[in-house]
């Protein structure tokens, strides 16, 4: 009898222990679910915050800068011109040049170099320029007053201001300033040839257009009129009062620094 009671007591004890272990395992399992859920939530939040902190640098497109006319330049020019040379005369002793003869008008080619500097403000361009040309412009009066009198322009130069309006690579401009001419007045009668060099000072005005083929290479076309004043030149036994004027059309090619 004692043996049966002992066995039943052990059986009840084992059953109780088994039931307790099951409850402990169940509680541990139920306790892990909130922990796993909380861990997953925190990981998701931290991942979102990290993604928000990442800055993606998009490549910025490079926009080419617009062309600017500001800068120095030097170039070559070539063209043609025609002259209007008034040359009234008087005999010795020198007096008023009140005797008339035909003008020693002529034509020819010219070519030389030019250099200058431009400043651009908005669409407006201002600058200064100087040039020098050798020329073959030559003409005479055909012997209208018995003697054949002529005038040849040898070379001319100028120092001018420029002002214009730019539309990107196009520039339309006006120009004007001081003009210098070195020429030769002569008598061309066969057997009585006579030549005298003279310098003239005056003014010039004109207009033109330029186009920038590249940031450095510029082409141009230009017209200018120049009035070189008047000078008396003694030829043999008479004095001519020579007043040369020259119209010229030039094309040019320059390099901008």
C-alpha atoms as a PDB file:
ATOM      1  CA  UNK A   1       0.000   0.000   0.000  1.00  0.00           C
ATOM      2  CA  UNK A   2       2.785   2.373   0.886  1.00  0.00           C
ATOM      3  CA  UNK A   3       4.436   1.490  -2.390  1.00  0.00           C
ATOM      4  CA  UNK A   4       1.302   2.382  -4.434  1.00  0.00           C
ATOM      5  CA  UNK A   5       0.957   5.771  -2.686  1.00  0.00           C
ATOM      6  CA  UNK A   6       4.580   6.599  -3.382  1.00  0.00           C
ATOM      7  CA  UNK A   7       4.220   5.748  -7.067  1.00  0.00           C
ATOM      8  CA  UNK A   8       1.052   7.874  -7.410  1.00  0.00           C
ATOM      9  CA  UNK A   9       2.717  10.762  -5.662  1.00  0.00           C
ATOM     10  CA  UNK A  10       5.685  10.639  -8.061  1.00  0.00           C
ATOM     11  CA  UNK A  11       3.332  10.430 -11.022  1.00  0.00           C
ATOM     12  CA  UNK A  12       1.416  13.497  -9.918  1.00  0.00           C
ATOM     13  CA  UNK A  13       4.682  15.310  -9.322  1.00  0.00           C
ATOM     14  CA  UNK A  14       5.971  14.483 -12.803  1.00  0.00           C
ATOM     15  CA  UNK A  15       2.680  15.594 -14.365  1.00  0.00           C
ATOM     16  CA  UNK A  16       2.817  18.882 -12.482  1.00  0.00           C
ATOM     17  CA  UNK A  17       6.426  19.464 -13.524  1.00  0.00           C
ATOM     18  CA  UNK A  18       5.581  18.679 -17.147  1.00  0.00           C
ATOM     19  CA  UNK A  19       2.632  21.082 -17.062  1.00  0.00           C
ATOM     20  CA  UNK A  20       4.780  23.797 -15.485  1.00  0.00           C
ATOM     21  CA  UNK A  21       7.500  23.323 -18.104  1.00  0.00           C
ATOM     22  CA  UNK A  22       4.948  23.663 -20.887  1.00  0.00           C
ATOM     23  CA  UNK A  23       3.646  26.881 -19.380  1.00  0.00           C
ATOM     24  CA  UNK A  24       7.180  28.242 -19.041  1.00  0.00           C
ATOM     25  CA  UNK A  25       7.973  27.413 -22.674  1.00  0.00           C
ATOM     26  CA  UNK A  26       4.720  28.994 -23.837  1.00  0.00           C
ATOM     27  CA  UNK A  27       5.425  32.153 -21.845  1.00  0.00           C
ATOM     28  CA  UNK A  28       8.957  32.341 -23.239  1.00  0.00           C
ATOM     29  CA  UNK A  29       7.576  31.936 -26.762  1.00  0.00           C
ATOM     30  CA  UNK A  30       4.967  34.606 -26.208  1.00  0.00           C
ATOM     31  CA  UNK A  31       7.632  36.918 -24.735  1.00  0.00           C
ATOM     32  CA  UNK A  32       9.919  36.627 -27.809  1.00  0.00           C
ATOM     33  CA  UNK A  33       7.284  37.813 -30.301  1.00  0.00           C
ATOM     34  CA  UNK A  34       7.088  41.389 -28.940  1.00  0.00           C
ATOM     35  CA  UNK A  35      10.877  41.552 -28.848  1.00  0.00           C
ATOM     36  CA  UNK A  36      11.192  40.434 -32.481  1.00  0.00           C
ATOM     37  CA  UNK A  37       8.433  42.830 -33.579  1.00  0.00           C
ATOM     38  CA  UNK A  38      10.071  45.754 -31.746  1.00  0.00           C
ATOM     39  CA  UNK A  39      13.473  44.916 -33.249  1.00  0.00           C
ATOM     40  CA  UNK A  40      12.032  44.794 -36.784  1.00  0.00           C
ATOM     41  CA  UNK A  41      10.226  48.130 -36.298  1.00  0.00           C
ATOM     42  CA  UNK A  42      13.359  49.869 -34.992  1.00  0.00           C
ATOM     43  CA  UNK A  43      15.421  48.481 -37.877  1.00  0.00           C
ATOM     44  CA  UNK A  44      12.879  49.748 -40.385  1.00  0.00           C
ATOM     45  CA  UNK A  45      12.842  53.223 -38.793  1.00  0.00           C
ATOM     46  CA  UNK A  46      16.632  53.449 -38.668  1.00  0.00           C
ATOM     47  CA  UNK A  47      16.870  52.282 -42.292  1.00  0.00           C
ATOM     48  CA  UNK A  48      14.410  54.970 -43.420  1.00  0.00           C
ATOM     49  CA  UNK A  49      16.317  57.645 -41.487  1.00  0.00           C
ATOM     50  CA  UNK A  50      19.593  56.516 -43.069  1.00  0.00           C
ATOM     51  CA  UNK A  51      18.059  56.619 -46.527  1.00  0.00           C
ATOM     52  CA  UNK A  52      16.759  60.138 -45.840  1.00  0.00           C
ATOM     53  CA  UNK A  53      20.241  61.275 -44.877  1.00  0.00           C
ATOM     54  CA  UNK A  54      21.833  60.045 -48.153  1.00  0.00           C
ATOM     55  CA  UNK A  55      22.326  62.969 -50.627  1.00  0.00           C
ATOM     56  CA  UNK A  56      22.503  62.070 -54.308  1.00  0.00           C
ATOM     57  CA  UNK A  57      24.519  64.653 -56.264  1.00  0.00           C
ATOM     58  CA  UNK A  58      22.971  64.974 -59.703  1.00  0.00           C
ATOM     59  CA  UNK A  59      25.430  66.110 -62.398  1.00  0.00           C
ATOM     60  CA  UNK A  60      24.965  69.817 -63.156  1.00  0.00           C
ATOM     61  CA  UNK A  61      24.761  70.466 -66.910  1.00  0.00           C
ATOM     62  CA  UNK A  62      27.536  72.734 -68.204  1.00  0.00           C
ATOM     63  CA  UNK A  63      26.050  75.757 -69.993  1.00  0.00           C
ATOM     64  CA  UNK A  64      28.523  77.410 -72.397  1.00  0.00           C
ATOM     65  CA  UNK A  65      29.194  81.053 -71.554  1.00  0.00           C
ATOM     66  CA  UNK A  66      28.007  83.579 -74.136  1.00  0.00           C
ATOM     67  CA  UNK A  67      30.584  85.203 -76.407  1.00  0.00           C
ATOM     68  CA  UNK A  68      32.109  88.428 -75.106  1.00  0.00           C
ATOM     69  CA  UNK A  69      33.663  91.151 -77.243  1.00  0.00           C
ATOM     70  CA  UNK A  70      35.829  92.435 -74.391  1.00  0.00           C
ATOM     71  CA  UNK A  71      39.532  92.067 -75.144  1.00  0.00           C
ATOM     72  CA  UNK A  72      42.364  93.118 -77.391  1.00  0.00           C
ATOM     73  CA  UNK A  73      42.809  92.096 -81.012  1.00  0.00           C
ATOM     74  CA  UNK A  74      45.129  92.446 -84.002  1.00  0.00           C
ATOM     75  CA  UNK A  75      44.415  91.770 -87.658  1.00  0.00           C
ATOM     76  CA  UNK A  76      45.021  92.196 -91.365  1.00  0.00           C
ATOM     77  CA  UNK A  77      42.830  94.127 -93.802  1.00  0.00           C
ATOM     78  CA  UNK A  78      42.546  94.519 -97.554  1.00  0.00           C
ATOM     79  CA  UNK A  79      40.296  96.495 -99.849  1.00  0.00           C
ATOM     80  CA  UNK A  80      39.872  99.139-102.470  1.00  0.00           C
ATOM     81  CA  UNK A  81      39.356 102.879-102.555  1.00  0.00           C
ATOM     82  CA  UNK A  82      38.693 105.879-104.724  1.00  0.00           C
ATOM     83  CA  UNK A  83      39.862 109.439-104.302  1.00  0.00           C
ATOM     84  CA  UNK A  84      38.466 112.884-104.930  1.00  0.00           C
ATOM     85  CA  UNK A  85      41.361 115.357-105.093  1.00  0.00           C
ATOM     86  CA  UNK A  86      40.509 119.017-105.595  1.00  0.00           C
ATOM     87  CA  UNK A  87      43.552 120.963-106.872  1.00  0.00           C
ATOM     88  CA  UNK A  88      42.977 124.621-107.780  1.00  0.00           C
ATOM     89  CA  UNK A  89      46.211 126.502-108.528  1.00  0.00           C
ATOM     90  CA  UNK A  90      47.813 129.915-108.921  1.00  0.00           C
ATOM     91  CA  UNK A  91      50.975 131.189-110.602  1.00  0.00           C
ATOM     92  CA  UNK A  92      53.895 132.878-108.870  1.00  0.00           C
ATOM     93  CA  UNK A  93      54.020 134.988-106.858  1.00  0.00           C
ATOM     94  CA  UNK A  94      51.777 132.774-104.692  1.00  0.00           C
ATOM     95  CA  UNK A  95      48.305 134.155-104.387  1.00  0.00           C
ATOM     96  CA  UNK A  96      44.779 132.810-104.012  1.00  0.00           C
ATOM     97  CA  UNK A  97      44.356 129.490-105.792  1.00  0.00           C
ATOM     98  CA  UNK A  98      41.692 130.888-108.088  1.00  0.00           C
ATOM     99  CA  UNK A  99      42.543 129.018-111.272  1.00  0.00           C
ATOM    100  CA  UNK A 100      40.694 125.786-111.752  1.00  0.00           C
ATOM    101  CA  UNK A 101      41.517 122.466-113.293  1.00  0.00           C
ATOM    102  CA  UNK A 102      39.890 119.082-113.149  1.00  0.00           C
ATOM    103  CA  UNK A 103      40.215 117.013-110.002  1.00  0.00           C
ATOM    104  CA  UNK A 104      42.935 114.398-109.849  1.00  0.00           C
ATOM    105  CA  UNK A 105      40.480 111.660-108.984  1.00  0.00           C
ATOM    106  CA  UNK A 106      41.735 108.080-108.903  1.00  0.00           C
ATOM    107  CA  UNK A 107      41.294 104.596-107.555  1.00  0.00           C
ATOM    108  CA  UNK A 108      43.359 101.664-106.378  1.00  0.00           C
ATOM    109  CA  UNK A 109      43.819  98.959-103.779  1.00  0.00           C
ATOM    110  CA  UNK A 110      44.990  99.176-100.190  1.00  0.00           C
ATOM    111  CA  UNK A 111      46.043  96.813 -97.429  1.00  0.00           C
ATOM    112  CA  UNK A 112      47.560  96.861 -93.987  1.00  0.00           C
ATOM    113  CA  UNK A 113      47.198  95.992 -90.324  1.00  0.00           C
ATOM    114  CA  UNK A 114      44.942  97.103 -87.475  1.00  0.00           C
ATOM    115  CA  UNK A 115      44.821  96.639 -83.704  1.00  0.00           C
ATOM    116  CA  UNK A 116      42.486  97.684 -80.930  1.00  0.00           C
ATOM    117  CA  UNK A 117      40.634  96.895 -77.719  1.00  0.00           C
ATOM    118  CA  UNK A 118      36.923  96.470 -76.964  1.00  0.00           C
ATOM    119  CA  UNK A 119      34.919  96.813 -73.738  1.00  0.00           C
ATOM    120  CA  UNK A 120      31.453  95.230 -73.624  1.00  0.00           C
ATOM    121  CA  UNK A 121      28.671  96.366 -71.274  1.00  0.00           C
ATOM    122  CA  UNK A 122      25.466  94.445 -71.844  1.00  0.00           C
ATOM    123  CA  UNK A 123      24.812  94.597 -75.577  1.00  0.00           C
ATOM    124  CA  UNK A 124      26.888  97.753 -76.078  1.00  0.00           C
ATOM    125  CA  UNK A 125      30.528  97.623 -77.146  1.00  0.00           C
ATOM    126  CA  UNK A 126      33.008 100.506 -76.928  1.00  0.00           C
ATOM    127  CA  UNK A 127      36.639 100.602 -77.958  1.00  0.00           C
ATOM    128  CA  UNK A 128      39.586 102.184 -79.684  1.00  0.00           C
ATOM    129  CA  UNK A 129      41.437 101.152 -82.811  1.00  0.00           C
ATOM    130  CA  UNK A 130      44.426 102.198 -84.928  1.00  0.00           C
ATOM    131  CA  UNK A 131      45.376 101.085 -88.418  1.00  0.00           C
ATOM    132  CA  UNK A 132      47.852 101.723 -91.211  1.00  0.00           C
ATOM    133  CA  UNK A 133      47.531 100.915 -94.922  1.00  0.00           C
ATOM    134  CA  UNK A 134      49.762 101.067 -97.959  1.00  0.00           C
ATOM    135  CA  UNK A 135      47.787 102.092-101.032  1.00  0.00           C
ATOM    136  CA  UNK A 136      48.034 102.411-104.807  1.00  0.00           C
ATOM    137  CA  UNK A 137      45.193 104.959-105.187  1.00  0.00           C
ATOM    138  CA  UNK A 138      46.315 107.245-108.004  1.00  0.00           C
ATOM    139  CA  UNK A 139      44.763 109.677-110.490  1.00  0.00           C
ATOM    140  CA  UNK A 140      45.317 112.834-112.540  1.00  0.00           C
ATOM    141  CA  UNK A 141      43.365 115.590-114.269  1.00  0.00           C
ATOM    142  CA  UNK A 142      44.205 114.479-117.806  1.00  0.00           C
ATOM    143  CA  UNK A 143      45.877 117.798-118.636  1.00  0.00           C
ATOM    144  CA  UNK A 144      42.770 119.940-118.222  1.00  0.00           C
ATOM    145  CA  UNK A 145      44.850 123.097-117.671  1.00  0.00           C
ATOM    146  CA  UNK A 146      47.574 122.265-120.204  1.00  0.00           C
ATOM    147  CA  UNK A 147      49.757 120.479-117.624  1.00  0.00           C
ATOM    148  CA  UNK A 148      48.933 116.959-116.451  1.00  0.00           C
ATOM    149  CA  UNK A 149      48.733 117.140-112.677  1.00  0.00           C
ATOM    150  CA  UNK A 150      48.198 114.062-110.563  1.00  0.00           C
ATOM    151  CA  UNK A 151      48.091 112.852-106.994  1.00  0.00           C
ATOM    152  CA  UNK A 152      49.061 109.454-105.604  1.00  0.00           C
ATOM    153  CA  UNK A 153      48.149 108.314-102.065  1.00  0.00           C
ATOM    154  CA  UNK A 154      51.093 106.288-100.745  1.00  0.00           C
ATOM    155  CA  UNK A 155      49.976 105.281 -97.281  1.00  0.00           C
ATOM    156  CA  UNK A 156      47.461 106.355 -94.669  1.00  0.00           C
ATOM    157  CA  UNK A 157      46.758 105.743 -91.007  1.00  0.00           C
ATOM    158  CA  UNK A 158      44.120 106.481 -88.418  1.00  0.00           C
ATOM    159  CA  UNK A 159      43.409 106.437 -84.673  1.00  0.00           C
ATOM    160  CA  UNK A 160      39.709 106.079 -83.937  1.00  0.00           C
ATOM    161  CA  UNK A 161      37.024 105.402 -81.361  1.00  0.00           C
ATOM    162  CA  UNK A 162      34.420 102.721 -81.962  1.00  0.00           C
ATOM    163  CA  UNK A 163      30.922 102.132 -80.574  1.00  0.00           C
ATOM    164  CA  UNK A 164      28.545  99.360 -81.498  1.00  0.00           C
ATOM    165  CA  UNK A 165      25.716  97.002 -80.638  1.00  0.00           C
ATOM    166  CA  UNK A 166      26.342  93.281 -80.209  1.00  0.00           C
ATOM    167  CA  UNK A 167      23.964  90.372 -80.738  1.00  0.00           C
ATOM    168  CA  UNK A 168      25.957  87.395 -79.481  1.00  0.00           C
ATOM    169  CA  UNK A 169      28.657  86.907 -82.153  1.00  0.00           C
ATOM    170  CA  UNK A 170      27.512  89.782 -84.380  1.00  0.00           C
ATOM    171  CA  UNK A 171      28.700  93.353 -83.857  1.00  0.00           C
ATOM    172  CA  UNK A 172      27.435  96.385 -85.785  1.00  0.00           C
ATOM    173  CA  UNK A 173      29.550  99.471 -85.139  1.00  0.00           C
ATOM    174  CA  UNK A 174      30.361 103.032 -86.087  1.00  0.00           C
ATOM    175  CA  UNK A 175      33.835 104.542 -85.946  1.00  0.00           C
ATOM    176  CA  UNK A 176      35.511 107.922 -86.260  1.00  0.00           C
ATOM    177  CA  UNK A 177      38.654 109.835 -85.399  1.00  0.00           C
ATOM    178  CA  UNK A 178      41.955 111.211 -86.637  1.00  0.00           C
ATOM    179  CA  UNK A 179      43.319 110.387 -90.102  1.00  0.00           C
ATOM    180  CA  UNK A 180      46.766 110.839 -91.643  1.00  0.00           C
ATOM    181  CA  UNK A 181      47.826 110.621 -95.301  1.00  0.00           C
ATOM    182  CA  UNK A 182      51.193 110.590 -96.978  1.00  0.00           C
ATOM    183  CA  UNK A 183      50.907 111.369-100.677  1.00  0.00           C
ATOM    184  CA  UNK A 184      52.700 112.651-103.736  1.00  0.00           C
ATOM    185  CA  UNK A 185      51.615 115.524-105.962  1.00  0.00           C
ATOM    186  CA  UNK A 186      53.238 115.548-109.367  1.00  0.00           C
ATOM    187  CA  UNK A 187      53.406 117.032-112.829  1.00  0.00           C
ATOM    188  CA  UNK A 188      53.214 114.321-115.477  1.00  0.00           C
ATOM    189  CA  UNK A 189      53.942 116.146-118.711  1.00  0.00           C
ATOM    190  CA  UNK A 190      56.371 114.040-120.801  1.00  0.00           C
ATOM    191  CA  UNK A 191      59.845 115.509-120.430  1.00  0.00           C
ATOM    192  CA  UNK A 192      58.724 117.794-117.567  1.00  0.00           C
ATOM    193  CA  UNK A 193      57.958 115.307-114.829  1.00  0.00           C
ATOM    194  CA  UNK A 194      58.104 116.653-111.311  1.00  0.00           C
ATOM    195  CA  UNK A 195      57.079 115.099-107.982  1.00  0.00           C
ATOM    196  CA  UNK A 196      56.616 116.463-104.447  1.00  0.00           C
ATOM    197  CA  UNK A 197      55.695 114.477-101.335  1.00  0.00           C
ATOM    198  CA  UNK A 198      53.357 115.956 -98.758  1.00  0.00           C
ATOM    199  CA  UNK A 199      51.658 114.958 -95.508  1.00  0.00           C
ATOM    200  CA  UNK A 200      48.015 115.640 -94.735  1.00  0.00           C
ATOM    201  CA  UNK A 201      46.037 115.580 -91.474  1.00  0.00           C
ATOM    202  CA  UNK A 202      42.289 115.216 -91.230  1.00  0.00           C
ATOM    203  CA  UNK A 203      39.451 113.089 -89.959  1.00  0.00           C
ATOM    204  CA  UNK A 204      37.661 109.875 -90.865  1.00  0.00           C
ATOM    205  CA  UNK A 205      34.265 108.342 -90.162  1.00  0.00           C
ATOM    206  CA  UNK A 206      32.665 105.045 -91.109  1.00  0.00           C
ATOM    207  CA  UNK A 207      30.720 101.952 -90.146  1.00  0.00           C
ATOM    208  CA  UNK A 208      31.074  98.207 -90.307  1.00  0.00           C
ATOM    209  CA  UNK A 209      30.055  94.776 -89.094  1.00  0.00           C
ATOM    210  CA  UNK A 210      32.004  91.954 -87.486  1.00  0.00           C
ATOM    211  CA  UNK A 211      31.273  88.288 -86.880  1.00  0.00           C
ATOM    212  CA  UNK A 212      33.147  85.983 -84.506  1.00  0.00           C
ATOM    213  CA  UNK A 213      33.746  82.668 -86.274  1.00  0.00           C
ATOM    214  CA  UNK A 214      35.244  81.287 -83.046  1.00  0.00           C
ATOM    215  CA  UNK A 215      36.099  82.788 -79.662  1.00  0.00           C
ATOM    216  CA  UNK A 216      39.334  84.072 -81.233  1.00  0.00           C
ATOM    217  CA  UNK A 217      38.851  84.454 -84.996  1.00  0.00           C
ATOM    218  CA  UNK A 218      36.787  87.436 -86.214  1.00  0.00           C
ATOM    219  CA  UNK A 219      35.949  88.617 -89.727  1.00  0.00           C
ATOM    220  CA  UNK A 220      34.775  92.105 -90.681  1.00  0.00           C
ATOM    221  CA  UNK A 221      33.587  94.364 -93.444  1.00  0.00           C
ATOM    222  CA  UNK A 222      33.908  98.157 -93.229  1.00  0.00           C
ATOM    223  CA  UNK A 223      33.398 101.397 -95.159  1.00  0.00           C
ATOM    224  CA  UNK A 224      35.195 104.625 -94.241  1.00  0.00           C
ATOM    225  CA  UNK A 225      35.399 108.131 -95.623  1.00  0.00           C
ATOM    226  CA  UNK A 226      38.408 110.324 -94.888  1.00  0.00           C
ATOM    227  CA  UNK A 227      38.945 114.041 -95.454  1.00  0.00           C
ATOM    228  CA  UNK A 228      42.620 114.962 -95.179  1.00  0.00           C
ATOM    229  CA  UNK A 229      42.362 118.742 -95.234  1.00  0.00           C
ATOM    230  CA  UNK A 230      44.331 120.901 -97.628  1.00  0.00           C
ATOM    231  CA  UNK A 231      47.961 121.689 -98.339  1.00  0.00           C
ATOM    232  CA  UNK A 232      49.771 123.941-100.821  1.00  0.00           C
ATOM    233  CA  UNK A 233      52.402 122.259-102.995  1.00  0.00           C
ATOM    234  CA  UNK A 234      54.807 124.180-105.246  1.00  0.00           C
ATOM    235  CA  UNK A 235      55.176 122.616-108.690  1.00  0.00           C
ATOM    236  CA  UNK A 236      57.492 124.332-111.173  1.00  0.00           C
ATOM    237  CA  UNK A 237      56.146 127.875-111.614  1.00  0.00           C
ATOM    238  CA  UNK A 238      52.737 127.398-109.990  1.00  0.00           C
ATOM    239  CA  UNK A 239      51.243 126.387-106.654  1.00  0.00           C
ATOM    240  CA  UNK A 240      48.514 123.803-106.230  1.00  0.00           C
ATOM    241  CA  UNK A 241      46.140 123.792-103.274  1.00  0.00           C
ATOM    242  CA  UNK A 242      45.572 120.050-102.904  1.00  0.00           C
ATOM    243  CA  UNK A 243      42.606 118.695-100.886  1.00  0.00           C
ATOM    244  CA  UNK A 244      42.429 114.885-100.974  1.00  0.00           C
ATOM    245  CA  UNK A 245      39.418 112.850 -99.858  1.00  0.00           C
ATOM    246  CA  UNK A 246      39.317 109.046 -99.929  1.00  0.00           C
ATOM    247  CA  UNK A 247      36.480 106.525 -99.770  1.00  0.00           C
ATOM    248  CA  UNK A 248      37.564 102.992 -98.886  1.00  0.00           C
ATOM    249  CA  UNK A 249      35.938  99.601 -98.432  1.00  0.00           C
ATOM    250  CA  UNK A 250      37.868  97.024 -96.425  1.00  0.00           C
ATOM    251  CA  UNK A 251      37.508  93.417 -95.333  1.00  0.00           C
ATOM    252  CA  UNK A 252      39.538  92.119 -92.434  1.00  0.00           C
ATOM    253  CA  UNK A 253      40.506  89.090 -90.401  1.00  0.00           C
ATOM    254  CA  UNK A 254      41.568  89.476 -86.765  1.00  0.00           C
ATOM    255  CA  UNK A 255      42.675  87.419 -83.779  1.00  0.00           C
ATOM    256  CA  UNK A 256      41.083  88.263 -80.420  1.00  0.00           C
ATOM    257  CA  UNK A 257      43.146  87.661 -77.289  1.00  0.00           C
END
